[in-house]
Amino acid sequence: MDVMRMEFSLCSFDGALPVEVTIDDDNGRYTIRKSDRSGEYFNSSNELIAWVKKHFHEEEFCHPHEFRGMLAKLTDYEVNGSYF
């Protein structure tokens, strides 16, 4: 049984806590915790990915390459249904 779960933790410039992005298909959990501790909850991975692409930008993060890597994995997941 394949477990489809992705978690990302990215350091952002606007807070001490990392931004955390979670896609957990097995448990139906699609969440974002922002650096200010507020959060976003979604009904599907596609909703979460669309939100990330619209609201987050690489210049907001301490390590832009990590943000770009997350976007690449999310896009691959969105297109192919996997992130491998």
PDB file of N, CA and C in Angstrom:
ATOM      1  N   MET A   1       0.847  -1.182   0.000  1.00  0.00           N
ATOM      2  CA  MET A   1       0.000   0.000   0.000  1.00  0.00           C
ATOM      3  C   MET A   1       0.890   1.242   0.000  1.00  0.00           C
ATOM      4  N   ASP A   2       0.678   2.100  -0.977  1.00  0.00           N
ATOM      5  CA  ASP A   2       1.459   3.329  -1.074  1.00  0.00           C
ATOM      6  C   ASP A   2       0.916   4.369  -0.113  1.00  0.00           C
ATOM      7  N   VAL A   3       1.808   5.008   0.589  1.00  0.00           N
ATOM      8  CA  VAL A   3       1.427   6.089   1.488  1.00  0.00           C
ATOM      9  C   VAL A   3       1.782   7.395   0.792  1.00  0.00           C
ATOM     10  N   MET A   4       0.779   8.221   0.563  1.00  0.00           N
ATOM     11  CA  MET A   4       1.006   9.495  -0.107  1.00  0.00           C
ATOM     12  C   MET A   4       0.968  10.604   0.933  1.00  0.00           C
ATOM     13  N   ARG A   5       2.149  10.996   1.351  1.00  0.00           N
ATOM     14  CA  ARG A   5       2.257  12.057   2.343  1.00  0.00           C
ATOM     15  C   ARG A   5       3.489  12.886   2.020  1.00  0.00           C
ATOM     16  N   MET A   6       3.297  14.180   1.987  1.00  0.00           N
ATOM     17  CA  MET A   6       4.406  15.106   1.786  1.00  0.00           C
ATOM     18  C   MET A   6       4.334  16.161   2.865  1.00  0.00           C
ATOM     19  N   GLU A   7       5.486  16.469   3.412  1.00  0.00           N
ATOM     20  CA  GLU A   7       5.584  17.540   4.399  1.00  0.00           C
ATOM     21  C   GLU A   7       6.797  18.397   4.063  1.00  0.00           C
ATOM     22  N   PHE A   8       6.599  19.689   4.112  1.00  0.00           N
ATOM     23  CA  PHE A   8       7.669  20.640   3.862  1.00  0.00           C
ATOM     24  C   PHE A   8       7.717  21.627   5.016  1.00  0.00           C
ATOM     25  N   SER A   9       8.915  22.006   5.404  1.00  0.00           N
ATOM     26  CA  SER A   9       9.119  23.001   6.442  1.00  0.00           C
ATOM     27  C   SER A   9      10.112  24.019   5.888  1.00  0.00           C
ATOM     28  N   LEU A  10       9.651  25.242   5.700  1.00  0.00           N
ATOM     29  CA  LEU A  10      10.466  26.277   5.063  1.00  0.00           C
ATOM     30  C   LEU A  10      10.637  27.474   5.984  1.00  0.00           C
ATOM     31  N   CYS A  11      11.862  27.931   6.097  1.00  0.00           N
ATOM     32  CA  CYS A  11      12.172  29.121   6.886  1.00  0.00           C
ATOM     33  C   CYS A  11      11.740  30.357   6.100  1.00  0.00           C
ATOM     34  N   SER A  12      10.928  31.205   6.743  1.00  0.00           N
ATOM     35  CA  SER A  12      10.503  32.439   6.073  1.00  0.00           C
ATOM     36  C   SER A  12      11.077  33.649   6.808  1.00  0.00           C
ATOM     37  N   PHE A  13      11.152  34.763   6.094  1.00  0.00           N
ATOM     38  CA  PHE A  13      11.717  35.979   6.669  1.00  0.00           C
ATOM     39  C   PHE A  13      10.777  36.673   7.653  1.00  0.00           C
ATOM     40  N   ASP A  14       9.483  36.362   7.602  1.00  0.00           N
ATOM     41  CA  ASP A  14       8.531  37.129   8.405  1.00  0.00           C
ATOM     42  C   ASP A  14       8.176  36.517   9.752  1.00  0.00           C
ATOM     43  N   GLY A  15       8.854  35.466  10.161  1.00  0.00           N
ATOM     44  CA  GLY A  15       8.532  34.887  11.463  1.00  0.00           C
ATOM     45  C   GLY A  15       9.585  33.916  11.942  1.00  0.00           C
ATOM     46  N   ALA A  16       9.533  33.637  13.243  1.00  0.00           N
ATOM     47  CA  ALA A  16      10.508  32.731  13.838  1.00  0.00           C
ATOM     48  C   ALA A  16      10.193  31.267  13.546  1.00  0.00           C
ATOM     49  N   LEU A  17       8.920  30.971  13.342  1.00  0.00           N
ATOM     50  CA  LEU A  17       8.514  29.594  13.066  1.00  0.00           C
ATOM     51  C   LEU A  17       8.546  29.323  11.571  1.00  0.00           C
ATOM     52  N   PRO A  18       8.827  28.086  11.189  1.00  0.00           N
ATOM     53  CA  PRO A  18       8.821  27.761   9.760  1.00  0.00           C
ATOM     54  C   PRO A  18       7.398  27.669   9.212  1.00  0.00           C
ATOM     55  N   VAL A  19       7.284  27.859   7.931  1.00  0.00           N
ATOM     56  CA  VAL A  19       6.036  27.596   7.220  1.00  0.00           C
ATOM     57  C   VAL A  19       6.003  26.088   6.981  1.00  0.00           C
ATOM     58  N   GLU A  20       4.890  25.455   7.316  1.00  0.00           N
ATOM     59  CA  GLU A  20       4.770  24.013   7.130  1.00  0.00           C
ATOM     60  C   GLU A  20       3.628  23.709   6.179  1.00  0.00           C
ATOM     61  N   VAL A  21       3.928  22.913   5.172  1.00  0.00           N
ATOM     62  CA  VAL A  21       2.953  22.515   4.163  1.00  0.00           C
ATOM     63  C   VAL A  21       2.819  21.001   4.237  1.00  0.00           C
ATOM     64  N   THR A  22       1.592  20.505   4.389  1.00  0.00           N
ATOM     65  CA  THR A  22       1.355  19.071   4.525  1.00  0.00           C
ATOM     66  C   THR A  22       0.271  18.608   3.559  1.00  0.00           C
ATOM     67  N   ILE A  23       0.612  17.579   2.804  1.00  0.00           N
ATOM     68  CA  ILE A  23      -0.371  16.857   1.994  1.00  0.00           C
ATOM     69  C   ILE A  23      -0.346  15.422   2.487  1.00  0.00           C
ATOM     70  N   ASP A  24      -1.456  14.984   3.047  1.00  0.00           N
ATOM     71  CA  ASP A  24      -1.577  13.627   3.594  1.00  0.00           C
ATOM     72  C   ASP A  24      -2.860  13.011   3.038  1.00  0.00           C
ATOM     73  N   ASP A  25      -2.726  12.344   1.906  1.00  0.00           N
ATOM     74  CA  ASP A  25      -3.898  11.760   1.241  1.00  0.00           C
ATOM     75  C   ASP A  25      -4.561  10.674   2.080  1.00  0.00           C
ATOM     76  N   ASP A  26      -3.779   9.881   2.777  1.00  0.00           N
ATOM     77  CA  ASP A  26      -4.347   8.774   3.558  1.00  0.00           C
ATOM     78  C   ASP A  26      -5.316   9.256   4.625  1.00  0.00           C
ATOM     79  N   ASN A  27      -5.034  10.414   5.206  1.00  0.00           N
ATOM     80  CA  ASN A  27      -5.878  10.947   6.275  1.00  0.00           C
ATOM     81  C   ASN A  27      -6.711  12.154   5.834  1.00  0.00           C
ATOM     82  N   GLY A  28      -6.632  12.504   4.558  1.00  0.00           N
ATOM     83  CA  GLY A  28      -7.411  13.635   4.052  1.00  0.00           C
ATOM     84  C   GLY A  28      -7.027  14.950   4.688  1.00  0.00           C
ATOM     85  N   ARG A  29      -5.728  15.129   4.943  1.00  0.00           N
ATOM     86  CA  ARG A  29      -5.250  16.342   5.623  1.00  0.00           C
ATOM     87  C   ARG A  29      -4.408  17.155   4.646  1.00  0.00           C
ATOM     88  N   TYR A  30      -4.873  18.366   4.377  1.00  0.00           N
ATOM     89  CA  TYR A  30      -4.201  19.274   3.441  1.00  0.00           C
ATOM     90  C   TYR A  30      -4.098  20.622   4.138  1.00  0.00           C
ATOM     91  N   THR A  31      -2.948  20.899   4.721  1.00  0.00           N
ATOM     92  CA  THR A  31      -2.827  22.074   5.580  1.00  0.00           C
ATOM     93  C   THR A  31      -1.570  22.877   5.313  1.00  0.00           C
ATOM     94  N   ILE A  32      -1.655  24.143   5.678  1.00  0.00           N
ATOM     95  CA  ILE A  32      -0.507  25.045   5.685  1.00  0.00           C
ATOM     96  C   ILE A  32      -0.510  25.751   7.026  1.00  0.00           C
ATOM     97  N   ARG A  33       0.617  25.705   7.723  1.00  0.00           N
ATOM     98  CA  ARG A  33       0.788  26.526   8.919  1.00  0.00           C
ATOM     99  C   ARG A  33       1.775  27.611   8.559  1.00  0.00           C
ATOM    100  N   LYS A  34       1.323  28.848   8.674  1.00  0.00           N
ATOM    101  CA  LYS A  34       2.168  29.982   8.328  1.00  0.00           C
ATOM    102  C   LYS A  34       3.089  30.315   9.496  1.00  0.00           C
ATOM    103  N   SER A  35       4.068  31.152   9.233  1.00  0.00           N
ATOM    104  CA  SER A  35       5.064  31.494  10.255  1.00  0.00           C
ATOM    105  C   SER A  35       4.472  32.267  11.419  1.00  0.00           C
ATOM    106  N   ASP A  36       3.296  32.850  11.258  1.00  0.00           N
ATOM    107  CA  ASP A  36       2.650  33.574  12.360  1.00  0.00           C
ATOM    108  C   ASP A  36       1.686  32.669  13.144  1.00  0.00           C
ATOM    109  N   ARG A  37       1.728  31.386  12.893  1.00  0.00           N
ATOM    110  CA  ARG A  37       0.912  30.346  13.535  1.00  0.00           C
ATOM    111  C   ARG A  37      -0.508  30.261  13.014  1.00  0.00           C
ATOM    112  N   SER A  38      -0.882  31.160  12.097  1.00  0.00           N
ATOM    113  CA  SER A  38      -2.205  31.011  11.485  1.00  0.00           C
ATOM    114  C   SER A  38      -2.119  29.872  10.476  1.00  0.00           C
ATOM    115  N   GLY A  39      -3.250  29.450   9.977  1.00  0.00           N
ATOM    116  CA  GLY A  39      -3.218  28.322   9.073  1.00  0.00           C
ATOM    117  C   GLY A  39      -4.276  28.375   8.005  1.00  0.00           C
ATOM    118  N   GLU A  40      -4.115  27.500   7.059  1.00  0.00           N
ATOM    119  CA  GLU A  40      -5.068  27.315   5.976  1.00  0.00           C
ATOM    120  C   GLU A  40      -5.360  25.824   5.899  1.00  0.00           C
ATOM    121  N   TYR A  41      -6.622  25.497   5.676  1.00  0.00           N
ATOM    122  CA  TYR A  41      -7.050  24.109   5.562  1.00  0.00           C
ATOM    123  C   TYR A  41      -7.791  23.941   4.248  1.00  0.00           C
ATOM    124  N   PHE A  42      -7.556  22.828   3.571  1.00  0.00           N
ATOM    125  CA  PHE A  42      -8.110  22.611   2.246  1.00  0.00           C
ATOM    126  C   PHE A  42      -8.798  21.256   2.170  1.00  0.00           C
ATOM    127  N   ASN A  43      -9.706  21.126   1.201  1.00  0.00           N
ATOM    128  CA  ASN A  43     -10.431  19.875   1.001  1.00  0.00           C
ATOM    129  C   ASN A  43      -9.690  18.903   0.095  1.00  0.00           C
ATOM    130  N   SER A  44      -8.675  19.390  -0.624  1.00  0.00           N
ATOM    131  CA  SER A  44      -7.940  18.522  -1.540  1.00  0.00           C
ATOM    132  C   SER A  44      -6.517  19.041  -1.724  1.00  0.00           C
ATOM    133  N   SER A  45      -5.676  18.167  -2.238  1.00  0.00           N
ATOM    134  CA  SER A  45      -4.302  18.571  -2.530  1.00  0.00           C
ATOM    135  C   SER A  45      -4.276  19.625  -3.634  1.00  0.00           C
ATOM    136  N   ASN A  46      -5.167  19.517  -4.610  1.00  0.00           N
ATOM    137  CA  ASN A  46      -5.183  20.504  -5.694  1.00  0.00           C
ATOM    138  C   ASN A  46      -5.518  21.896  -5.189  1.00  0.00           C
ATOM    139  N   GLU A  47      -6.437  22.004  -4.225  1.00  0.00           N
ATOM    140  CA  GLU A  47      -6.754  23.308  -3.636  1.00  0.00           C
ATOM    141  C   GLU A  47      -5.535  23.881  -2.916  1.00  0.00           C
ATOM    142  N   LEU A  48      -4.843  23.040  -2.149  1.00  0.00           N
ATOM    143  CA  LEU A  48      -3.651  23.489  -1.425  1.00  0.00           C
ATOM    144  C   LEU A  48      -2.579  23.958  -2.402  1.00  0.00           C
ATOM    145  N   ILE A  49      -2.307  23.189  -3.436  1.00  0.00           N
ATOM    146  CA  ILE A  49      -1.265  23.533  -4.400  1.00  0.00           C
ATOM    147  C   ILE A  49      -1.599  24.845  -5.105  1.00  0.00           C
ATOM    148  N   ALA A  50      -2.842  25.031  -5.489  1.00  0.00           N
ATOM    149  CA  ALA A  50      -3.253  26.291  -6.139  1.00  0.00           C
ATOM    150  C   ALA A  50      -3.041  27.467  -5.191  1.00  0.00           C
ATOM    151  N   TRP A  51      -3.357  27.283  -3.909  1.00  0.00           N
ATOM    152  CA  TRP A  51      -3.181  28.353  -2.926  1.00  0.00           C
ATOM    153  C   TRP A  51      -1.697  28.699  -2.775  1.00  0.00           C
ATOM    154  N   VAL A  52      -0.852  27.687  -2.672  1.00  0.00           N
ATOM    155  CA  VAL A  52       0.595  27.917  -2.537  1.00  0.00           C
ATOM    156  C   VAL A  52       1.109  28.714  -3.729  1.00  0.00           C
ATOM    157  N   LYS A  53       0.727  28.308  -4.930  1.00  0.00           N
ATOM    158  CA  LYS A  53       1.205  28.985  -6.138  1.00  0.00           C
ATOM    159  C   LYS A  53       0.727  30.428  -6.214  1.00  0.00           C
ATOM    160  N   LYS A  54      -0.433  30.706  -5.662  1.00  0.00           N
ATOM    161  CA  LYS A  54      -0.986  32.068  -5.717  1.00  0.00           C
ATOM    162  C   LYS A  54      -0.436  32.975  -4.613  1.00  0.00           C
ATOM    163  N   HIS A  55      -0.201  32.426  -3.416  1.00  0.00           N
ATOM    164  CA  HIS A  55       0.083  33.269  -2.252  1.00  0.00           C
ATOM    165  C   HIS A  55       1.529  33.264  -1.758  1.00  0.00           C
ATOM    166  N   PHE A  56       2.315  32.274  -2.102  1.00  0.00           N
ATOM    167  CA  PHE A  56       3.714  32.230  -1.660  1.00  0.00           C
ATOM    168  C   PHE A  56       4.637  32.575  -2.827  1.00  0.00           C
ATOM    169  N   HIS A  57       5.733  33.259  -2.497  1.00  0.00           N
ATOM    170  CA  HIS A  57       6.728  33.644  -3.495  1.00  0.00           C
ATOM    171  C   HIS A  57       8.112  33.368  -2.926  1.00  0.00           C
ATOM    172  N   GLU A  58       9.026  32.948  -3.776  1.00  0.00           N
ATOM    173  CA  GLU A  58      10.335  32.496  -3.292  1.00  0.00           C
ATOM    174  C   GLU A  58      11.096  33.554  -2.510  1.00  0.00           C
ATOM    175  N   GLU A  59      10.886  34.836  -2.798  1.00  0.00           N
ATOM    176  CA  GLU A  59      11.626  35.882  -2.076  1.00  0.00           C
ATOM    177  C   GLU A  59      11.179  36.025  -0.620  1.00  0.00           C
ATOM    178  N   GLU A  60      10.095  35.348  -0.235  1.00  0.00           N
ATOM    179  CA  GLU A  60       9.626  35.369   1.153  1.00  0.00           C
ATOM    180  C   GLU A  60      10.391  34.382   2.040  1.00  0.00           C
ATOM    181  N   PHE A  61      11.188  33.514   1.418  1.00  0.00           N
ATOM    182  CA  PHE A  61      11.819  32.421   2.156  1.00  0.00           C
ATOM    183  C   PHE A  61      13.327  32.586   2.237  1.00  0.00           C
ATOM    184  N   CYS A  62      13.878  32.124   3.349  1.00  0.00           N
ATOM    185  CA  CYS A  62      15.319  32.245   3.613  1.00  0.00           C
ATOM    186  C   CYS A  62      16.149  31.485   2.594  1.00  0.00           C
ATOM    187  N   HIS A  63      15.626  30.377   2.117  1.00  0.00           N
ATOM    188  CA  HIS A  63      16.344  29.516   1.177  1.00  0.00           C
ATOM    189  C   HIS A  63      15.461  29.293  -0.054  1.00  0.00           C
ATOM    190  N   PRO A  64      15.543  30.213  -1.027  1.00  0.00           N
ATOM    191  CA  PRO A  64      14.668  30.123  -2.194  1.00  0.00           C
ATOM    192  C   PRO A  64      14.733  28.784  -2.920  1.00  0.00           C
ATOM    193  N   HIS A  65      15.893  28.138  -2.913  1.00  0.00           N
ATOM    194  CA  HIS A  65      16.006  26.844  -3.595  1.00  0.00           C
ATOM    195  C   HIS A  65      15.117  25.786  -2.938  1.00  0.00           C
ATOM    196  N   GLU A  66      14.912  25.875  -1.622  1.00  0.00           N
ATOM    197  CA  GLU A  66      14.009  24.938  -0.948  1.00  0.00           C
ATOM    198  C   GLU A  66      12.569  25.192  -1.379  1.00  0.00           C
ATOM    199  N   PHE A  67      12.211  26.457  -1.516  1.00  0.00           N
ATOM    200  CA  PHE A  67      10.870  26.798  -2.000  1.00  0.00           C
ATOM    201  C   PHE A  67      10.666  26.283  -3.422  1.00  0.00           C
ATOM    202  N   ARG A  68      11.648  26.509  -4.293  1.00  0.00           N
ATOM    203  CA  ARG A  68      11.544  26.028  -5.673  1.00  0.00           C
ATOM    204  C   ARG A  68      11.459  24.504  -5.716  1.00  0.00           C
ATOM    205  N   GLY A  69      12.210  23.829  -4.837  1.00  0.00           N
ATOM    206  CA  GLY A  69      12.147  22.374  -4.765  1.00  0.00           C
ATOM    207  C   GLY A  69      10.769  21.889  -4.340  1.00  0.00           C
ATOM    208  N   MET A  70      10.173  22.577  -3.364  1.00  0.00           N
ATOM    209  CA  MET A  70       8.827  22.222  -2.928  1.00  0.00           C
ATOM    210  C   MET A  70       7.840  22.421  -4.078  1.00  0.00           C
ATOM    211  N   LEU A  71       7.940  23.544  -4.770  1.00  0.00           N
ATOM    212  CA  LEU A  71       7.035  23.801  -5.899  1.00  0.00           C
ATOM    213  C   LEU A  71       7.167  22.731  -6.974  1.00  0.00           C
ATOM    214  N   ALA A  72       8.393  22.312  -7.244  1.00  0.00           N
ATOM    215  CA  ALA A  72       8.609  21.271  -8.256  1.00  0.00           C
ATOM    216  C   ALA A  72       7.935  19.967  -7.835  1.00  0.00           C
ATOM    217  N   LYS A  73       8.065  19.593  -6.572  1.00  0.00           N
ATOM    218  CA  LYS A  73       7.433  18.361  -6.089  1.00  0.00           C
ATOM    219  C   LYS A  73       5.918  18.479  -6.090  1.00  0.00           C
ATOM    220  N   LEU A  74       5.398  19.636  -5.693  1.00  0.00           N
ATOM    221  CA  LEU A  74       3.951  19.840  -5.702  1.00  0.00           C
ATOM    222  C   LEU A  74       3.400  19.799  -7.123  1.00  0.00           C
ATOM    223  N   THR A  75       4.112  20.402  -8.060  1.00  0.00           N
ATOM    224  CA  THR A  75       3.676  20.397  -9.455  1.00  0.00           C
ATOM    225  C   THR A  75       3.708  18.985 -10.020  1.00  0.00           C
ATOM    226  N   ASP A  76       4.756  18.232  -9.709  1.00  0.00           N
ATOM    227  CA  ASP A  76       4.843  16.843 -10.166  1.00  0.00           C
ATOM    228  C   ASP A  76       3.691  16.027  -9.591  1.00  0.00           C
ATOM    229  N   TYR A  77       3.399  16.250  -8.327  1.00  0.00           N
ATOM    230  CA  TYR A  77       2.287  15.552  -7.679  1.00  0.00           C
ATOM    231  C   TYR A  77       0.962  15.917  -8.347  1.00  0.00           C
ATOM    232  N   GLU A  78       0.795  17.210  -8.646  1.00  0.00           N
ATOM    233  CA  GLU A  78      -0.431  17.695  -9.267  1.00  0.00           C
ATOM    234  C   GLU A  78      -0.632  17.080 -10.659  1.00  0.00           C
ATOM    235  N   VAL A  79       0.455  16.971 -11.413  1.00  0.00           N
ATOM    236  CA  VAL A  79       0.383  16.492 -12.792  1.00  0.00           C
ATOM    237  C   VAL A  79       0.343  14.964 -12.861  1.00  0.00           C
ATOM    238  N   ASN A  80       1.196  14.313 -12.069  1.00  0.00           N
ATOM    239  CA  ASN A  80       1.374  12.862 -12.189  1.00  0.00           C
ATOM    240  C   ASN A  80       0.753  12.041 -11.068  1.00  0.00           C
ATOM    241  N   GLY A  81       0.302  12.697 -10.008  1.00  0.00           N
ATOM    242  CA  GLY A  81      -0.266  11.962  -8.895  1.00  0.00           C
ATOM    243  C   GLY A  81       0.774  11.330  -7.994  1.00  0.00           C
ATOM    244  N   SER A  82       2.041  11.695  -8.193  1.00  0.00           N
ATOM    245  CA  SER A  82       3.106  11.202  -7.311  1.00  0.00           C
ATOM    246  C   SER A  82       4.190  12.254  -7.235  1.00  0.00           C
ATOM    247  N   TYR A  83       5.097  12.054  -6.318  1.00  0.00           N
ATOM    248  CA  TYR A  83       6.185  13.015  -6.173  1.00  0.00           C
ATOM    249  C   TYR A  83       7.531  12.322  -6.208  1.00  0.00           C
ATOM    250  N   PHE A  84       7.582  11.133  -6.771  1.00  0.00           N
ATOM    251  CA  PHE A  84       8.847  10.391  -6.838  1.00  0.00           C
ATOM    252  C   PHE A  84       9.573  10.702  -8.125  1.00  0.00           C
TER     253      PHE A  84
END
